[in-house]
PDB file of N, CA and C in Angstrom:
ATOM      1  N   MET A   1    -139.735  33.029 -12.698  1.00  0.00           N
ATOM      2  CA  MET A   1    -139.249  33.620 -11.465  1.00  0.00           C
ATOM      3  C   MET A   1    -138.204  32.675 -10.866  1.00  0.00           C
ATOM      4  N   PRO A   2    -136.929  33.053 -10.956  1.00  0.00           N
ATOM      5  CA  PRO A   2    -135.864  32.152 -10.519  1.00  0.00           C
ATOM      6  C   PRO A   2    -135.924  31.756  -9.046  1.00  0.00           C
ATOM      7  N   ASP A   3    -136.466  32.591  -8.180  1.00  0.00           N
ATOM      8  CA  ASP A   3    -136.522  32.238  -6.765  1.00  0.00           C
ATOM      9  C   ASP A   3    -137.643  31.246  -6.468  1.00  0.00           C
ATOM     10  N   ARG A   4    -138.566  31.049  -7.410  1.00  0.00           N
ATOM     11  CA  ARG A   4    -139.702  30.162  -7.186  1.00  0.00           C
ATOM     12  C   ARG A   4    -139.722  28.957  -8.130  1.00  0.00           C
ATOM     13  N   ASP A   5    -139.315  29.150  -9.368  1.00  0.00           N
ATOM     14  CA  ASP A   5    -139.412  28.104 -10.377  1.00  0.00           C
ATOM     15  C   ASP A   5    -138.188  27.193 -10.334  1.00  0.00           C
ATOM     16  N   MET A   6    -138.429  25.906 -10.226  1.00  0.00           N
ATOM     17  CA  MET A   6    -137.356  24.915 -10.207  1.00  0.00           C
ATOM     18  C   MET A   6    -137.615  23.917 -11.333  1.00  0.00           C
ATOM     19  N   PRO A   7    -136.563  23.505 -12.055  1.00  0.00           N
ATOM     20  CA  PRO A   7    -136.778  22.520 -13.128  1.00  0.00           C
ATOM     21  C   PRO A   7    -137.126  21.151 -12.567  1.00  0.00           C
ATOM     22  N   THR A   8    -137.919  20.411 -13.313  1.00  0.00           N
ATOM     23  CA  THR A   8    -138.230  19.031 -12.990  1.00  0.00           C
ATOM     24  C   THR A   8    -137.569  18.175 -14.058  1.00  0.00           C
ATOM     25  N   TYR A   9    -136.558  17.417 -13.663  1.00  0.00           N
ATOM     26  CA  TYR A   9    -135.828  16.594 -14.607  1.00  0.00           C
ATOM     27  C   TYR A   9    -136.545  15.262 -14.794  1.00  0.00           C
ATOM     28  N   ARG A  10    -136.725  14.867 -16.035  1.00  0.00           N
ATOM     29  CA  ARG A  10    -137.348  13.583 -16.369  1.00  0.00           C
ATOM     30  C   ARG A  10    -136.308  12.539 -16.756  1.00  0.00           C
ATOM     31  N   GLY A  11    -135.111  12.987 -17.086  1.00  0.00           N
ATOM     32  CA  GLY A  11    -134.051  12.077 -17.484  1.00  0.00           C
ATOM     33  C   GLY A  11    -133.055  12.785 -18.376  1.00  0.00           C
ATOM     34  N   TYR A  12    -132.154  12.022 -18.941  1.00  0.00           N
ATOM     35  CA  TYR A  12    -131.172  12.578 -19.859  1.00  0.00           C
ATOM     36  C   TYR A  12    -130.706  11.492 -20.817  1.00  0.00           C
ATOM     37  N   ILE A  13    -130.091  11.915 -21.909  1.00  0.00           N
ATOM     38  CA  ILE A  13    -129.576  11.008 -22.929  1.00  0.00           C
ATOM     39  C   ILE A  13    -128.057  11.133 -22.949  1.00  0.00           C
ATOM     40  N   VAL A  14    -127.373   9.996 -22.934  1.00  0.00           N
ATOM     41  CA  VAL A  14    -125.918   9.971 -23.003  1.00  0.00           C
ATOM     42  C   VAL A  14    -125.533   9.648 -24.446  1.00  0.00           C
ATOM     43  N   GLU A  15    -124.713  10.522 -25.045  1.00  0.00           N
ATOM     44  CA  GLU A  15    -124.259  10.322 -26.413  1.00  0.00           C
ATOM     45  C   GLU A  15    -122.736  10.397 -26.466  1.00  0.00           C
ATOM     46  N   ARG A  16    -122.170   9.798 -27.522  1.00  0.00           N
ATOM     47  CA  ARG A  16    -120.727   9.811 -27.690  1.00  0.00           C
ATOM     48  C   ARG A  16    -120.415   9.991 -29.177  1.00  0.00           C
ATOM     49  N   ALA A  17    -119.366  10.755 -29.459  1.00  0.00           N
ATOM     50  CA  ALA A  17    -118.864  10.918 -30.822  1.00  0.00           C
ATOM     51  C   ALA A  17    -117.353  10.810 -30.790  1.00  0.00           C
ATOM     52  N   GLU A  18    -116.804  10.073 -31.727  1.00  0.00           N
ATOM     53  CA  GLU A  18    -115.346   9.952 -31.810  1.00  0.00           C
ATOM     54  C   GLU A  18    -114.787  11.088 -32.647  1.00  0.00           C
ATOM     55  N   ILE A  19    -113.644  11.607 -32.205  1.00  0.00           N
ATOM     56  CA  ILE A  19    -112.952  12.654 -32.954  1.00  0.00           C
ATOM     57  C   ILE A  19    -111.606  12.090 -33.376  1.00  0.00           C
ATOM     58  N   THR A  20    -111.390  12.052 -34.674  1.00  0.00           N
ATOM     59  CA  THR A  20    -110.150  11.532 -35.233  1.00  0.00           C
ATOM     60  C   THR A  20    -109.457  12.642 -36.014  1.00  0.00           C
ATOM     61  N   ALA A  21    -108.340  12.299 -36.662  1.00  0.00           N
ATOM     62  CA  ALA A  21    -107.629  13.271 -37.487  1.00  0.00           C
ATOM     63  C   ALA A  21    -108.496  13.763 -38.652  1.00  0.00           C
ATOM     64  N   GLU A  22    -109.434  12.932 -39.083  1.00  0.00           N
ATOM     65  CA  GLU A  22    -110.345  13.314 -40.174  1.00  0.00           C
ATOM     66  C   GLU A  22    -111.487  14.198 -39.696  1.00  0.00           C
ATOM     67  N   GLY A  23    -111.672  14.336 -38.396  1.00  0.00           N
ATOM     68  CA  GLY A  23    -112.743  15.164 -37.860  1.00  0.00           C
ATOM     69  C   GLY A  23    -113.657  14.384 -36.936  1.00  0.00           C
ATOM     70  N   GLN A  24    -114.745  15.023 -36.554  1.00  0.00           N
ATOM     71  CA  GLN A  24    -115.699  14.415 -35.624  1.00  0.00           C
ATOM     72  C   GLN A  24    -116.664  13.513 -36.374  1.00  0.00           C
ATOM     73  N   GLN A  25    -116.904  12.331 -35.822  1.00  0.00           N
ATOM     74  CA  GLN A  25    -117.872  11.389 -36.379  1.00  0.00           C
ATOM     75  C   GLN A  25    -119.274  11.754 -35.879  1.00  0.00           C
ATOM     76  N   ASP A  26    -120.277  11.030 -36.347  1.00  0.00           N
ATOM     77  CA  ASP A  26    -121.659  11.264 -35.913  1.00  0.00           C
ATOM     78  C   ASP A  26    -121.827  10.859 -34.448  1.00  0.00           C
ATOM     79  N   TRP A  27    -122.775  11.515 -33.787  1.00  0.00           N
ATOM     80  CA  TRP A  27    -123.086  11.204 -32.402  1.00  0.00           C
ATOM     81  C   TRP A  27    -123.866   9.897 -32.348  1.00  0.00           C
ATOM     82  N   ASP A  28    -123.500   9.017 -31.413  1.00  0.00           N
ATOM     83  CA  ASP A  28    -124.199   7.753 -31.170  1.00  0.00           C
ATOM     84  C   ASP A  28    -124.808   7.794 -29.783  1.00  0.00           C
ATOM     85  N   GLU A  29    -126.075   7.389 -29.689  1.00  0.00           N
ATOM     86  CA  GLU A  29    -126.733   7.335 -28.385  1.00  0.00           C
ATOM     87  C   GLU A  29    -126.246   6.115 -27.625  1.00  0.00           C
ATOM     88  N   ILE A  30    -125.795   6.346 -26.393  1.00  0.00           N
ATOM     89  CA  ILE A  30    -125.288   5.273 -25.536  1.00  0.00           C
ATOM     90  C   ILE A  30    -126.377   4.778 -24.590  1.00  0.00           C
ATOM     91  N   ALA A  31    -127.112   5.702 -23.977  1.00  0.00           N
ATOM     92  CA  ALA A  31    -128.146   5.316 -23.009  1.00  0.00           C
ATOM     93  C   ALA A  31    -129.153   6.437 -22.836  1.00  0.00           C
ATOM     94  N   ARG A  32    -130.362   6.036 -22.497  1.00  0.00           N
ATOM     95  CA  ARG A  32    -131.400   6.975 -22.049  1.00  0.00           C
ATOM     96  C   ARG A  32    -131.590   6.701 -20.564  1.00  0.00           C
ATOM     97  N   VAL A  33    -131.333   7.701 -19.753  1.00  0.00           N
ATOM     98  CA  VAL A  33    -131.357   7.521 -18.302  1.00  0.00           C
ATOM     99  C   VAL A  33    -132.598   8.210 -17.733  1.00  0.00           C
ATOM    100  N   SER A  34    -133.385   7.438 -17.001  1.00  0.00           N
ATOM    101  CA  SER A  34    -134.573   7.956 -16.321  1.00  0.00           C
ATOM    102  C   SER A  34    -134.572   7.396 -14.902  1.00  0.00           C
ATOM    103  N   ASP A  35    -135.523   7.842 -14.095  1.00  0.00           N
ATOM    104  CA  ASP A  35    -135.581   7.314 -12.729  1.00  0.00           C
ATOM    105  C   ASP A  35    -135.832   5.806 -12.739  1.00  0.00           C
ATOM    106  N   ARG A  36    -136.666   5.321 -13.653  1.00  0.00           N
ATOM    107  CA  ARG A  36    -136.923   3.876 -13.732  1.00  0.00           C
ATOM    108  C   ARG A  36    -135.669   3.109 -14.150  1.00  0.00           C
ATOM    109  N   TYR A  37    -134.900   3.676 -15.058  1.00  0.00           N
ATOM    110  CA  TYR A  37    -133.650   3.041 -15.495  1.00  0.00           C
ATOM    111  C   TYR A  37    -132.696   2.895 -14.305  1.00  0.00           C
ATOM    112  N   ILE A  38    -132.550   3.949 -13.520  1.00  0.00           N
ATOM    113  CA  ILE A  38    -131.651   3.909 -12.363  1.00  0.00           C
ATOM    114  C   ILE A  38    -132.126   2.869 -11.351  1.00  0.00           C
ATOM    115  N   ILE A  39    -133.410   2.845 -11.079  1.00  0.00           N
ATOM    116  CA  ILE A  39    -133.953   1.879 -10.110  1.00  0.00           C
ATOM    117  C   ILE A  39    -133.715   0.452 -10.593  1.00  0.00           C
ATOM    118  N   ARG A  40    -133.964   0.189 -11.890  1.00  0.00           N
ATOM    119  CA  ARG A  40    -133.734  -1.160 -12.424  1.00  0.00           C
ATOM    120  C   ARG A  40    -132.273  -1.574 -12.296  1.00  0.00           C
ATOM    121  N   ARG A  41    -131.349  -0.641 -12.529  1.00  0.00           N
ATOM    122  CA  ARG A  41    -129.926  -0.955 -12.408  1.00  0.00           C
ATOM    123  C   ARG A  41    -129.550  -1.232 -10.951  1.00  0.00           C
ATOM    124  N   ILE A  42    -130.015  -0.396 -10.034  1.00  0.00           N
ATOM    125  CA  ILE A  42    -129.660  -0.543  -8.621  1.00  0.00           C
ATOM    126  C   ILE A  42    -130.229  -1.837  -8.047  1.00  0.00           C
ATOM    127  N   GLU A  43    -131.387  -2.258  -8.510  1.00  0.00           N
ATOM    128  CA  GLU A  43    -132.001  -3.491  -7.995  1.00  0.00           C
ATOM    129  C   GLU A  43    -131.154  -4.730  -8.272  1.00  0.00           C
ATOM    130  N   THR A  44    -130.267  -4.673  -9.245  1.00  0.00           N
ATOM    131  CA  THR A  44    -129.416  -5.830  -9.545  1.00  0.00           C
ATOM    132  C   THR A  44    -128.168  -5.873  -8.673  1.00  0.00           C
ATOM    133  N   TRP A  45    -127.891  -4.811  -7.928  1.00  0.00           N
ATOM    134  CA  TRP A  45    -126.696  -4.760  -7.091  1.00  0.00           C
ATOM    135  C   TRP A  45    -126.945  -5.518  -5.792  1.00  0.00           C
ATOM    136  N   PRO A  46    -125.919  -6.213  -5.260  1.00  0.00           N
ATOM    137  CA  PRO A  46    -126.116  -6.970  -4.016  1.00  0.00           C
ATOM    138  C   PRO A  46    -126.288  -6.094  -2.781  1.00  0.00           C
ATOM    139  N   MET A  47    -125.829  -4.852  -2.866  1.00  0.00           N
ATOM    140  CA  MET A  47    -125.962  -3.928  -1.733  1.00  0.00           C
ATOM    141  C   MET A  47    -125.921  -2.499  -2.245  1.00  0.00           C
ATOM    142  N   GLN A  48    -126.364  -1.561  -1.430  1.00  0.00           N
ATOM    143  CA  GLN A  48    -126.318  -0.140  -1.782  1.00  0.00           C
ATOM    144  C   GLN A  48    -125.062   0.479  -1.175  1.00  0.00           C
ATOM    145  N   THR A  49    -124.273   1.148  -1.998  1.00  0.00           N
ATOM    146  CA  THR A  49    -123.034   1.767  -1.545  1.00  0.00           C
ATOM    147  C   THR A  49    -123.317   3.132  -0.938  1.00  0.00           C
ATOM    148  N   PRO A  50    -122.755   3.455   0.233  1.00  0.00           N
ATOM    149  CA  PRO A  50    -122.955   4.794   0.783  1.00  0.00           C
ATOM    150  C   PRO A  50    -122.290   5.844  -0.105  1.00  0.00           C
ATOM    151  N   GLU A  51    -122.913   6.987  -0.238  1.00  0.00           N
ATOM    152  CA  GLU A  51    -122.367   8.074  -1.059  1.00  0.00           C
ATOM    153  C   GLU A  51    -121.141   8.677  -0.387  1.00  0.00           C
ATOM    154  N   VAL A  52    -120.160   9.076  -1.197  1.00  0.00           N
ATOM    155  CA  VAL A  52    -118.957   9.690  -0.650  1.00  0.00           C
ATOM    156  C   VAL A  52    -118.898  11.181  -0.941  1.00  0.00           C
ATOM    157  N   ILE A  53    -119.863  11.695  -1.704  1.00  0.00           N
ATOM    158  CA  ILE A  53    -119.863  13.129  -1.983  1.00  0.00           C
ATOM    159  C   ILE A  53    -120.817  13.837  -1.042  1.00  0.00           C
ATOM    160  N   ASP A  54    -120.635  15.132  -0.919  1.00  0.00           N
ATOM    161  CA  ASP A  54    -121.475  15.950  -0.062  1.00  0.00           C
ATOM    162  C   ASP A  54    -122.920  15.889  -0.562  1.00  0.00           C
ATOM    163  N   PRO A  55    -123.893  15.645   0.317  1.00  0.00           N
ATOM    164  CA  PRO A  55    -125.285  15.536  -0.112  1.00  0.00           C
ATOM    165  C   PRO A  55    -125.819  16.766  -0.852  1.00  0.00           C
ATOM    166  N   LYS A  56    -125.253  17.938  -0.627  1.00  0.00           N
ATOM    167  CA  LYS A  56    -125.765  19.121  -1.327  1.00  0.00           C
ATOM    168  C   LYS A  56    -125.409  19.099  -2.812  1.00  0.00           C
ATOM    169  N   TYR A  57    -124.493  18.206  -3.224  1.00  0.00           N
ATOM    170  CA  TYR A  57    -124.152  18.066  -4.635  1.00  0.00           C
ATOM    171  C   TYR A  57    -124.817  16.850  -5.272  1.00  0.00           C
ATOM    172  N   GLN A  58    -125.714  16.195  -4.576  1.00  0.00           N
ATOM    173  CA  GLN A  58    -126.386  15.005  -5.083  1.00  0.00           C
ATOM    174  C   GLN A  58    -127.760  15.356  -5.624  1.00  0.00           C
ATOM    175  N   HIS A  59    -128.164  14.645  -6.648  1.00  0.00           N
ATOM    176  CA  HIS A  59    -129.512  14.751  -7.201  1.00  0.00           C
ATOM    177  C   HIS A  59    -129.957  13.322  -7.489  1.00  0.00           C
ATOM    178  N   PRO A  60    -131.174  12.944  -7.120  1.00  0.00           N
ATOM    179  CA  PRO A  60    -131.587  11.546  -7.279  1.00  0.00           C
ATOM    180  C   PRO A  60    -131.551  11.046  -8.722  1.00  0.00           C
ATOM    181  N   LEU A  61    -131.649  11.933  -9.701  1.00  0.00           N
ATOM    182  CA  LEU A  61    -131.614  11.515 -11.098  1.00  0.00           C
ATOM    183  C   LEU A  61    -130.323  11.891 -11.799  1.00  0.00           C
ATOM    184  N   LEU A  62    -129.773  13.056 -11.491  1.00  0.00           N
ATOM    185  CA  LEU A  62    -128.624  13.558 -12.242  1.00  0.00           C
ATOM    186  C   LEU A  62    -127.282  13.053 -11.743  1.00  0.00           C
ATOM    187  N   THR A  63    -127.208  12.551 -10.533  1.00  0.00           N
ATOM    188  CA  THR A  63    -125.967  11.965 -10.031  1.00  0.00           C
ATOM    189  C   THR A  63    -126.203  10.480  -9.806  1.00  0.00           C
ATOM    190  N   PHE A  64    -125.742   9.690 -10.751  1.00  0.00           N
ATOM    191  CA  PHE A  64    -125.924   8.241 -10.695  1.00  0.00           C
ATOM    192  C   PHE A  64    -125.178   7.684  -9.494  1.00  0.00           C
ATOM    193  N   PRO A  65    -125.818   6.815  -8.690  1.00  0.00           N
ATOM    194  CA  PRO A  65    -125.150   6.279  -7.496  1.00  0.00           C
ATOM    195  C   PRO A  65    -123.955   5.394  -7.858  1.00  0.00           C
ATOM    196  N   LEU A  66    -122.996   5.327  -6.960  1.00  0.00           N
ATOM    197  CA  LEU A  66    -121.823   4.484  -7.166  1.00  0.00           C
ATOM    198  C   LEU A  66    -122.192   3.020  -6.949  1.00  0.00           C
ATOM    199  N   PRO A  67    -121.750   2.137  -7.837  1.00  0.00           N
ATOM    200  CA  PRO A  67    -122.028   0.713  -7.627  1.00  0.00           C
ATOM    201  C   PRO A  67    -121.124   0.146  -6.544  1.00  0.00           C
ATOM    202  N   PRO A  68    -121.481  -0.996  -5.972  1.00  0.00           N
ATOM    203  CA  PRO A  68    -120.627  -1.600  -4.949  1.00  0.00           C
ATOM    204  C   PRO A  68    -119.321  -2.093  -5.558  1.00  0.00           C
ATOM    205  N   MET A  69    -118.266  -2.080  -4.732  1.00  0.00           N
ATOM    206  CA  MET A  69    -116.962  -2.599  -5.143  1.00  0.00           C
ATOM    207  C   MET A  69    -116.607  -3.795  -4.262  1.00  0.00           C
ATOM    208  N   VAL A  70    -115.769  -4.665  -4.788  1.00  0.00           N
ATOM    209  CA  VAL A  70    -115.352  -5.852  -4.045  1.00  0.00           C
ATOM    210  C   VAL A  70    -114.030  -5.565  -3.343  1.00  0.00           C
ATOM    211  N   LEU A  71    -113.989  -5.815  -2.044  1.00  0.00           N
ATOM    212  CA  LEU A  71    -112.785  -5.732  -1.212  1.00  0.00           C
ATOM    213  C   LEU A  71    -112.179  -4.342  -1.088  1.00  0.00           C
ATOM    214  N   ARG A  72    -112.919  -3.289  -1.402  1.00  0.00           N
ATOM    215  CA  ARG A  72    -112.455  -1.923  -1.142  1.00  0.00           C
ATOM    216  C   ARG A  72    -113.640  -0.975  -1.226  1.00  0.00           C
ATOM    217  N   GLU A  73    -113.416   0.242  -0.766  1.00  0.00           N
ATOM    218  CA  GLU A  73    -114.475   1.245  -0.783  1.00  0.00           C
ATOM    219  C   GLU A  73    -114.077   2.389  -1.695  1.00  0.00           C
ATOM    220  N   TRP A  74    -115.077   3.151  -2.110  1.00  0.00           N
ATOM    221  CA  TRP A  74    -114.823   4.324  -2.933  1.00  0.00           C
ATOM    222  C   TRP A  74    -114.132   5.388  -2.087  1.00  0.00           C
ATOM    223  N   GLY A  75    -113.300   6.215  -2.703  1.00  0.00           N
ATOM    224  CA  GLY A  75    -112.591   7.270  -1.994  1.00  0.00           C
ATOM    225  C   GLY A  75    -112.626   8.580  -2.753  1.00  0.00           C
ATOM    226  N   GLU A  76    -111.653   9.435  -2.507  1.00  0.00           N
ATOM    227  CA  GLU A  76    -111.603  10.766  -3.105  1.00  0.00           C
ATOM    228  C   GLU A  76    -111.521  10.747  -4.625  1.00  0.00           C
ATOM    229  N   ASP A  77    -111.052   9.661  -5.207  1.00  0.00           N
ATOM    230  CA  ASP A  77    -110.863   9.604  -6.653  1.00  0.00           C
ATOM    231  C   ASP A  77    -112.167   9.637  -7.439  1.00  0.00           C
ATOM    232  N   VAL A  78    -113.317   9.525  -6.809  1.00  0.00           N
ATOM    233  CA  VAL A  78    -114.585   9.534  -7.539  1.00  0.00           C
ATOM    234  C   VAL A  78    -115.294  10.886  -7.502  1.00  0.00           C
ATOM    235  N   THR A  79    -114.695  11.872  -6.891  1.00  0.00           N
ATOM    236  CA  THR A  79    -115.310  13.191  -6.828  1.00  0.00           C
ATOM    237  C   THR A  79    -114.388  14.209  -7.481  1.00  0.00           C
ATOM    238  N   HIS A  80    -114.953  15.309  -7.908  1.00  0.00           N
ATOM    239  CA  HIS A  80    -114.165  16.371  -8.540  1.00  0.00           C
ATOM    240  C   HIS A  80    -113.272  17.027  -7.491  1.00  0.00           C
ATOM    241  N   SER A  81    -112.079  17.421  -7.899  1.00  0.00           N
ATOM    242  CA  SER A  81    -111.125  17.987  -6.940  1.00  0.00           C
ATOM    243  C   SER A  81    -111.606  19.301  -6.328  1.00  0.00           C
ATOM    244  N   ASP A  82    -112.506  20.022  -6.997  1.00  0.00           N
ATOM    245  CA  ASP A  82    -113.046  21.264  -6.438  1.00  0.00           C
ATOM    246  C   ASP A  82    -114.181  21.023  -5.440  1.00  0.00           C
ATOM    247  N   LEU A  83    -114.672  19.790  -5.353  1.00  0.00           N
ATOM    248  CA  LEU A  83    -115.749  19.461  -4.419  1.00  0.00           C
ATOM    249  C   LEU A  83    -115.174  18.649  -3.271  1.00  0.00           C
ATOM    250  N   PRO A  84    -114.983  19.255  -2.121  1.00  0.00           N
ATOM    251  CA  PRO A  84    -114.393  18.514  -1.003  1.00  0.00           C
ATOM    252  C   PRO A  84    -115.337  17.429  -0.502  1.00  0.00           C
ATOM    253  N   LEU A  85    -114.758  16.354  -0.021  1.00  0.00           N
ATOM    254  CA  LEU A  85    -115.565  15.300   0.585  1.00  0.00           C
ATOM    255  C   LEU A  85    -116.105  15.790   1.917  1.00  0.00           C
ATOM    256  N   PRO A  86    -117.334  15.411   2.277  1.00  0.00           N
ATOM    257  CA  PRO A  86    -117.873  15.868   3.555  1.00  0.00           C
ATOM    258  C   PRO A  86    -117.174  15.184   4.721  1.00  0.00           C
ATOM    259  N   SER A  87    -117.030  15.931   5.787  1.00  0.00           N
ATOM    260  CA  SER A  87    -116.469  15.335   6.997  1.00  0.00           C
ATOM    261  C   SER A  87    -117.579  14.567   7.712  1.00  0.00           C
ATOM    262  N   LEU A  88    -117.197  13.716   8.655  1.00  0.00           N
ATOM    263  CA  LEU A  88    -118.203  12.986   9.420  1.00  0.00           C
ATOM    264  C   LEU A  88    -119.120  13.934  10.177  1.00  0.00           C
ATOM    265  N   GLU A  89    -118.562  15.050  10.667  1.00  0.00           N
ATOM    266  CA  GLU A  89    -119.371  16.025  11.393  1.00  0.00           C
ATOM    267  C   GLU A  89    -120.413  16.668  10.472  1.00  0.00           C
ATOM    268  N   ASP A  90    -119.996  17.007   9.231  1.00  0.00           N
ATOM    269  CA  ASP A  90    -120.938  17.588   8.270  1.00  0.00           C
ATOM    270  C   ASP A  90    -122.064  16.618   7.946  1.00  0.00           C
ATOM    271  N   MET A  91    -121.712  15.342   7.732  1.00  0.00           N
ATOM    272  CA  MET A  91    -122.731  14.345   7.406  1.00  0.00           C
ATOM    273  C   MET A  91    -123.676  14.140   8.582  1.00  0.00           C
ATOM    274  N   TYR A  92    -123.132  14.113   9.799  1.00  0.00           N
ATOM    275  CA  TYR A  92    -123.959  13.946  10.990  1.00  0.00           C
ATOM    276  C   TYR A  92    -124.941  15.104  11.120  1.00  0.00           C
ATOM    277  N   GLN A  93    -124.443  16.334  10.903  1.00  0.00           N
ATOM    278  CA  GLN A  93    -125.297  17.517  10.992  1.00  0.00           C
ATOM    279  C   GLN A  93    -126.382  17.480   9.920  1.00  0.00           C
ATOM    280  N   GLN A  94    -126.030  17.106   8.698  1.00  0.00           N
ATOM    281  CA  GLN A  94    -127.007  17.044   7.605  1.00  0.00           C
ATOM    282  C   GLN A  94    -128.122  16.060   7.938  1.00  0.00           C
ATOM    283  N   TYR A  95    -127.777  14.873   8.436  1.00  0.00           N
ATOM    284  CA  TYR A  95    -128.786  13.881   8.756  1.00  0.00           C
ATOM    285  C   TYR A  95    -129.681  14.344   9.892  1.00  0.00           C
ATOM    286  N   ASN A  96    -129.134  15.044  10.869  1.00  0.00           N
ATOM    287  CA  ASN A  96    -129.965  15.551  11.961  1.00  0.00           C
ATOM    288  C   ASN A  96    -130.901  16.642  11.485  1.00  0.00           C
ATOM    289  N   GLU A  97    -130.439  17.487  10.541  1.00  0.00           N
ATOM    290  CA  GLU A  97    -131.300  18.536   9.997  1.00  0.00           C
ATOM    291  C   GLU A  97    -132.435  17.966   9.180  1.00  0.00           C
ATOM    292  N   GLU A  98    -132.230  16.780   8.582  1.00  0.00           N
ATOM    293  CA  GLU A  98    -133.279  16.144   7.789  1.00  0.00           C
ATOM    294  C   GLU A  98    -134.287  15.408   8.659  1.00  0.00           C
ATOM    295  N   GLY A  99    -134.086  15.407   9.957  1.00  0.00           N
ATOM    296  CA  GLY A  99    -135.059  14.813  10.855  1.00  0.00           C
ATOM    297  C   GLY A  99    -134.759  13.398  11.272  1.00  0.00           C
ATOM    298  N   VAL A 100    -133.568  12.911  11.020  1.00  0.00           N
ATOM    299  CA  VAL A 100    -133.203  11.576  11.465  1.00  0.00           C
ATOM    300  C   VAL A 100    -132.841  11.646  12.930  1.00  0.00           C
ATOM    301  N   SER A 101    -133.454  10.822  13.726  1.00  0.00           N
ATOM    302  CA  SER A 101    -133.183  10.874  15.170  1.00  0.00           C
ATOM    303  C   SER A 101    -131.847  10.247  15.488  1.00  0.00           C
ATOM    304  N   GLU A 102    -131.263  10.712  16.584  1.00  0.00           N
ATOM    305  CA  GLU A 102    -129.948  10.202  17.028  1.00  0.00           C
ATOM    306  C   GLU A 102    -130.090   8.849  17.667  1.00  0.00           C
TER     307      GLU A 102
END
């Protein structure tokens, strides 16, 4: 029942294959990503970077958080051009709807 049943994601596997003039090579596994993998990676960062994409397009497992950058912040270049960045008003409204007090 699509209105009731929601998938529960346990993780995903990242693979890569090179394509040359001779054709496609075999797929190589790059990483196995799970919630524990993400937490272990984030724990090594000196700080948590605020998200720049709209929260309705975020998933705690499927959208890997942006790592911190030195001497600059993330901008529009990290999101798809069809997904507009949220305005400050949209973010403020979202946080208030989630029960964060002013």
